[in-house]
N, C-alpha and C. Protein backbone atom coordinates (compact mmCIF):
# COMPACT_ATOMS: atom_id res chain seq x y z
N MET A 1 -11.59 8.89 -3.18
CA MET A 1 -11.57 7.67 -2.42
C MET A 1 -11.05 7.89 -0.98
N ALA A 2 -11.61 8.07 -0.01
CA ALA A 2 -10.94 8.23 1.47
C ALA A 2 -10.36 7.00 1.73
N ILE A 3 -9.03 7.51 3.01
CA ILE A 3 -8.50 6.25 3.65
C ILE A 3 -9.15 6.13 4.79
N LYS A 4 -9.15 4.75 4.31
CA LYS A 4 -9.45 4.29 5.81
C LYS A 4 -8.36 3.97 6.74
N LYS A 5 -8.24 4.44 8.24
CA LYS A 5 -7.14 3.95 9.32
C LYS A 5 -7.53 2.27 9.51
N ARG A 6 -6.40 1.58 9.59
CA ARG A 6 -6.59 0.40 9.75
C ARG A 6 -5.61 0.02 10.54
N ASN A 7 -5.83 -1.15 11.91
CA ASN A 7 -4.98 -1.56 12.55
C ASN A 7 -4.22 -2.75 11.93
N ILE A 8 -2.77 -2.22 11.81
CA ILE A 8 -1.86 -3.13 11.06
C ILE A 8 -1.40 -4.51 11.97
N VAL A 9 -1.65 -4.69 13.23
CA VAL A 9 -1.67 -6.01 13.56
C VAL A 9 -2.75 -6.78 13.43
N THR A 10 -3.89 -5.92 13.41
CA THR A 10 -5.28 -6.89 13.12
C THR A 10 -5.13 -7.30 11.72
N CYS A 11 -4.97 -6.84 10.63
CA CYS A 11 -4.41 -7.04 9.47
C CYS A 11 -3.78 -8.04 9.56
N ILE A 12 -2.68 -8.13 10.09
CA ILE A 12 -1.70 -9.46 9.85
C ILE A 12 -2.69 -10.61 10.42
N LEU A 13 -3.27 -10.48 11.63
CA LEU A 13 -3.81 -11.78 12.56
C LEU A 13 -5.11 -12.17 11.46
N LEU A 14 -5.70 -11.36 10.92
CA LEU A 14 -6.79 -11.47 9.92
C LEU A 14 -6.32 -12.57 8.83
N THR A 15 -5.40 -12.08 8.09
CA THR A 15 -4.46 -12.53 7.08
C THR A 15 -4.08 -13.87 7.49
N LEU A 16 -3.44 -14.07 8.66
CA LEU A 16 -2.97 -15.69 8.87
C LEU A 16 -4.35 -16.42 9.06
N ILE A 17 -5.00 -15.77 10.43
CA ILE A 17 -6.47 -16.53 10.28
C ILE A 17 -7.11 -17.19 8.68
N THR A 18 -6.89 -16.02 8.30
CA THR A 18 -8.36 -16.73 7.23
C THR A 18 -7.40 -16.92 5.99
N CYS A 19 -6.09 -17.50 6.30
CA CYS A 19 -5.45 -18.05 5.15
C CYS A 19 -5.09 -16.99 3.99
N GLY A 20 -4.93 -15.88 4.09
CA GLY A 20 -4.76 -14.89 3.27
C GLY A 20 -5.99 -14.59 2.31
N ILE A 21 -6.72 -14.75 2.75
CA ILE A 21 -7.85 -14.42 2.16
C ILE A 21 -8.48 -12.72 2.45
N TYR A 22 -8.17 -12.30 3.59
CA TYR A 22 -8.03 -11.13 4.37
C TYR A 22 -6.79 -10.35 3.71
N GLY A 23 -5.92 -11.04 3.04
CA GLY A 23 -4.72 -10.36 2.78
C GLY A 23 -4.97 -9.82 1.64
N ILE A 24 -5.88 -10.70 0.63
CA ILE A 24 -6.15 -10.38 -0.61
C ILE A 24 -7.08 -9.13 -0.59
N TYR A 25 -7.84 -9.05 0.24
CA TYR A 25 -9.01 -7.81 0.39
C TYR A 25 -7.79 -6.60 1.08
N TRP A 26 -7.08 -6.89 1.73
CA TRP A 26 -6.22 -6.02 2.23
C TRP A 26 -5.33 -5.29 0.96
N ILE A 27 -4.82 -5.79 0.40
CA ILE A 27 -3.61 -5.62 -0.74
C ILE A 27 -4.49 -4.67 -1.74
N ILE A 28 -5.90 -5.21 -2.02
CA ILE A 28 -6.58 -4.49 -2.83
C ILE A 28 -6.98 -2.66 -2.63
N MET A 29 -7.08 -3.09 -1.37
CA MET A 29 -7.62 -1.67 -0.55
C MET A 29 -6.12 -0.87 -0.50
N LEU A 30 -5.31 -1.28 0.07
CA LEU A 30 -4.02 -0.54 0.06
C LEU A 30 -3.48 0.06 -1.45
N ALA A 31 -3.44 -0.59 -2.50
CA ALA A 31 -2.91 -0.20 -3.74
C ALA A 31 -4.19 0.91 -4.03
N ARG A 32 -5.53 0.66 -4.23
CA ARG A 32 -6.37 1.81 -4.34
C ARG A 32 -6.40 3.24 -3.66
N GLU A 33 -6.24 3.02 -2.33
CA GLU A 33 -5.89 4.40 -1.80
C GLU A 33 -4.54 4.74 -1.83
N ALA A 34 -3.46 4.07 -2.30
CA ALA A 34 -2.18 4.67 -2.45
C ALA A 34 -2.33 5.42 -3.71
N VAL A 35 -2.84 4.75 -4.73
CA VAL A 35 -2.78 5.74 -5.65
C VAL A 35 -3.82 6.63 -6.09
N SER A 36 -5.32 6.79 -5.52
CA SER A 36 -5.85 7.85 -5.01
C SER A 36 -5.54 9.02 -4.54
N VAL A 37 -4.52 8.77 -3.98
CA VAL A 37 -3.61 10.28 -3.40
C VAL A 37 -3.23 11.07 -4.51
N LYS A 38 -2.71 10.20 -5.58
CA LYS A 38 -2.03 11.36 -6.69
C LYS A 38 -3.47 11.42 -7.39
N ASP A 39 -4.48 10.36 -7.88
CA ASP A 39 -5.39 10.52 -8.66
C ASP A 39 -6.49 9.94 -8.52
N PRO A 40 -7.60 10.62 -7.42
CA PRO A 40 -8.82 10.27 -7.22
C PRO A 40 -9.55 9.16 -8.12
N ALA A 41 -9.43 9.39 -9.38
CA ALA A 41 -10.27 8.70 -10.67
C ALA A 41 -9.17 7.57 -10.83
N ASP A 42 -7.93 7.20 -10.27
CA ASP A 42 -7.59 6.12 -10.64
C ASP A 42 -7.91 4.97 -10.07
N SER A 43 -8.07 4.14 -11.01
CA SER A 43 -8.80 2.72 -9.60
C SER A 43 -7.34 1.92 -9.28
N GLY A 44 -6.90 2.01 -9.96
CA GLY A 44 -5.31 1.30 -9.31
C GLY A 44 -5.30 -0.31 -9.63
N ILE A 45 -6.01 -0.90 -10.73
CA ILE A 45 -6.08 -2.12 -11.25
C ILE A 45 -4.70 -2.65 -11.49
N LEU A 46 -3.76 -1.71 -12.51
CA LEU A 46 -2.66 -2.55 -12.23
C LEU A 46 -1.64 -2.65 -11.55
N GLU A 47 -1.67 -1.57 -10.35
CA GLU A 47 -1.14 -2.14 -9.13
C GLU A 47 -1.64 -3.28 -8.52
N ILE A 48 -3.24 -3.17 -8.12
CA ILE A 48 -3.69 -4.39 -8.00
C ILE A 48 -3.25 -6.02 -8.24
N VAL A 49 -3.41 -6.26 -9.63
CA VAL A 49 -2.56 -7.12 -10.21
C VAL A 49 -1.73 -7.20 -10.06
N LEU A 50 -0.36 -6.49 -9.89
CA LEU A 50 0.88 -6.86 -9.73
C LEU A 50 0.93 -6.86 -8.52
N MET A 51 0.32 -6.50 -7.39
CA MET A 51 0.58 -6.77 -5.94
C MET A 51 0.16 -8.19 -5.63
N LEU A 52 -0.93 -8.64 -6.12
CA LEU A 52 -0.97 -10.23 -6.04
C LEU A 52 -0.73 -11.24 -6.92
N PHE A 53 0.16 -10.75 -7.88
CA PHE A 53 0.92 -11.81 -8.56
C PHE A 53 2.73 -11.23 -8.67
N VAL A 54 3.01 -10.15 -8.73
CA VAL A 54 4.61 -9.75 -9.04
C VAL A 54 4.61 -8.89 -7.47
N SER A 55 4.41 -9.20 -6.50
CA SER A 55 3.92 -8.35 -5.39
C SER A 55 5.22 -6.87 -4.91
N PHE A 56 6.30 -7.14 -5.16
CA PHE A 56 7.22 -6.10 -4.97
C PHE A 56 7.24 -5.11 -6.23
N VAL A 57 6.79 -5.72 -7.15
CA VAL A 57 6.34 -4.64 -8.19
C VAL A 57 5.53 -3.43 -7.71
N GLY A 58 4.21 -4.44 -7.68
CA GLY A 58 3.07 -3.56 -7.57
C GLY A 58 3.12 -2.87 -6.34
N VAL A 59 3.86 -2.88 -5.64
CA VAL A 59 4.07 -2.15 -4.33
C VAL A 59 4.99 -1.39 -4.55
N PHE A 60 5.81 -1.36 -5.34
CA PHE A 60 6.46 -0.42 -5.88
C PHE A 60 5.83 0.60 -6.59
N LEU A 61 5.15 0.16 -7.23
CA LEU A 61 4.40 1.33 -8.44
C LEU A 61 3.62 1.92 -7.53
N ALA A 62 2.66 1.24 -6.64
CA ALA A 62 1.54 2.46 -5.58
C ALA A 62 2.41 3.12 -4.65
N GLU A 63 3.49 2.97 -4.37
CA GLU A 63 4.27 3.53 -3.41
C GLU A 63 4.69 4.97 -4.51
N LYS A 64 5.36 4.92 -5.36
CA LYS A 64 5.93 5.87 -6.38
C LYS A 64 4.56 6.50 -6.47
N LYS A 65 3.25 6.14 -6.66
CA LYS A 65 2.15 7.14 -7.30
C LYS A 65 1.54 7.75 -5.62
N LEU A 66 1.65 7.12 -4.58
CA LEU A 66 1.49 7.54 -3.27
C LEU A 66 2.69 9.00 -2.96
N ALA A 67 4.01 8.69 -3.34
CA ALA A 67 4.90 9.72 -3.13
C ALA A 67 4.75 10.91 -3.91
N GLU A 68 4.27 10.84 -5.49
CA GLU A 68 3.99 11.84 -6.11
C GLU A 68 2.60 12.34 -5.59
N GLY A 69 1.81 11.44 -5.34
CA GLY A 69 0.35 12.59 -4.86
C GLY A 69 1.28 13.06 -3.72
N CYS A 70 1.47 13.14 -2.63
CA CYS A 70 1.75 13.62 -1.80
C CYS A 70 2.49 15.14 -1.99
N ALA A 71 3.53 15.07 -3.04
CA ALA A 71 4.53 15.53 -3.29
C ALA A 71 3.79 17.10 -4.01
N ALA A 72 2.36 16.67 -4.54
CA ALA A 72 1.88 17.64 -5.33
C ALA A 72 0.84 18.47 -4.79
N LYS A 73 0.79 17.26 -3.53
CA LYS A 73 -0.31 18.23 -2.60
C LYS A 73 0.19 18.76 -1.32
N GLY A 74 1.70 18.82 -1.41
CA GLY A 74 2.52 19.49 -0.57
C GLY A 74 2.17 18.70 0.96
N ILE A 75 2.25 17.56 1.01
CA ILE A 75 2.24 17.28 2.27
C ILE A 75 3.54 15.77 2.12
N PRO A 76 3.83 16.18 3.45
CA PRO A 76 5.56 15.40 3.40
C PRO A 76 5.28 13.95 3.59
N HIS A 77 6.04 13.60 3.01
CA HIS A 77 6.11 11.84 2.78
C HIS A 77 7.38 11.38 2.19
N THR A 78 8.07 10.42 2.84
CA THR A 78 9.37 10.10 2.52
C THR A 78 8.98 8.79 1.36
N ASP A 79 9.81 9.14 -0.05
CA ASP A 79 9.20 7.47 -0.91
C ASP A 79 10.32 6.84 -0.56
N ASN A 80 9.40 5.63 -0.15
CA ASN A 80 10.13 4.60 0.47
C ASN A 80 9.63 3.18 -0.98
N SER A 81 9.78 3.33 -2.20
CA SER A 81 9.62 2.63 -2.96
C SER A 81 10.56 1.64 -3.36
N ILE A 82 11.90 2.04 -3.41
CA ILE A 82 13.21 0.98 -3.19
C ILE A 82 13.28 0.30 -1.83
N LEU A 83 12.84 1.05 -1.04
CA LEU A 83 13.42 -0.18 0.51
C LEU A 83 12.38 -0.82 0.12
N TYR A 84 10.46 -0.60 -0.38
CA TYR A 84 10.02 -1.73 -0.62
C TYR A 84 10.00 -2.82 -1.64
N LEU A 85 10.74 -2.24 -2.74
CA LEU A 85 11.24 -3.15 -3.49
C LEU A 85 12.14 -4.28 -3.26
N ILE A 86 13.02 -3.50 -2.55
CA ILE A 86 14.30 -4.37 -1.78
C ILE A 86 13.77 -5.52 -0.79
N LEU A 87 13.08 -4.87 -0.08
CA LEU A 87 11.89 -6.27 0.95
C LEU A 87 11.42 -7.05 0.23
N GLY A 88 10.49 -6.66 -0.69
CA GLY A 88 9.96 -7.92 -1.88
C GLY A 88 10.85 -9.03 -2.23
N LEU A 89 11.97 -8.19 -2.77
CA LEU A 89 12.91 -9.06 -3.02
C LEU A 89 13.45 -10.19 -2.27
N LEU A 90 13.42 -9.67 -1.05
CA LEU A 90 13.78 -10.61 0.00
C LEU A 90 13.28 -11.22 0.78
N GLY A 91 11.79 -11.29 -0.04
CA GLY A 91 10.74 -12.04 0.82
C GLY A 91 9.89 -11.52 1.82
N LEU A 92 10.37 -10.31 2.13
CA LEU A 92 9.40 -9.78 3.18
C LEU A 92 8.67 -8.30 2.91
N GLY A 93 7.74 -9.32 1.60
CA GLY A 93 6.43 -8.35 1.40
C GLY A 93 5.72 -7.55 2.69
N ILE A 94 5.09 -8.43 3.52
CA ILE A 94 4.31 -8.42 4.47
C ILE A 94 4.77 -7.08 5.28
N VAL A 95 6.09 -6.92 5.44
CA VAL A 95 6.68 -5.98 5.95
C VAL A 95 6.27 -4.52 5.10
N SER A 96 6.31 -4.51 4.14
CA SER A 96 6.25 -3.62 2.99
C SER A 96 4.96 -2.68 3.19
N LEU A 97 3.76 -3.70 3.24
CA LEU A 97 2.04 -3.52 3.55
C LEU A 97 2.10 -2.76 4.49
N CYS A 98 2.98 -3.29 5.27
CA CYS A 98 2.64 -2.73 6.74
C CYS A 98 3.20 -1.28 7.04
N MET A 99 4.59 -1.27 6.33
CA MET A 99 5.13 0.36 6.20
C MET A 99 4.04 0.85 5.56
N MET A 100 3.44 0.43 4.33
CA MET A 100 2.80 1.40 3.82
C MET A 100 1.06 1.64 4.00
N GLN A 101 0.54 0.73 4.69
CA GLN A 101 -0.30 1.12 5.78
C GLN A 101 -0.35 1.91 7.00
N ASN A 102 0.92 2.15 7.52
CA ASN A 102 1.31 3.01 8.85
C ASN A 102 1.19 4.09 7.61
N ASP A 103 1.98 4.33 6.46
CA ASP A 103 1.99 5.96 5.79
C ASP A 103 0.55 6.41 5.37
N LEU A 104 -0.45 5.12 5.15
CA LEU A 104 -2.05 5.52 4.98
C LEU A 104 -2.37 6.11 6.25
N ASN A 105 -1.94 5.12 7.25
CA ASN A 105 -2.95 5.62 8.37
C ASN A 105 -2.48 7.09 8.99
N LYS A 106 -1.21 7.35 8.85
CA LYS A 106 -0.42 9.06 8.97
C LYS A 106 -1.53 10.18 8.18
N LEU A 107 -1.93 9.94 6.69
CA LEU A 107 -2.56 10.51 6.01
C LEU A 107 -3.73 10.36 6.01
N ALA A 108 -4.48 9.28 6.98
CA ALA A 108 -5.92 9.21 7.29
C ALA A 108 -5.96 10.24 8.48
N GLU A 109 -5.27 10.35 8.93
CA GLU A 109 -5.46 11.51 10.15
C GLU A 109 -5.44 12.67 10.03
N ASN A 110 -4.51 13.37 9.27
CA ASN A 110 -4.62 14.51 8.57
C ASN A 110 -5.87 14.53 7.82
């Protein structure tokens, strides 16, 4: 799956304007793109469901797969999964999504 570069501010604004509907789409795309770095055949269903219902666990797992995929391909990437887990537990899950989108944007440029 090709990684699409998204403007983070636009994603946040669209999430607010649509009362979270765009946020659901954004979460689905983040999970799919993050897990596809490790295994292009992985649809990321587990991560999507977890990101929708237990967001900090889903973001943690998606970041783990993203970091493993980057390591396997020799792409420099810092594993932020623990940071995402802590942010989610503190109620700052949107920050985790923004940081993950930023990492994916960097990968999309390369």
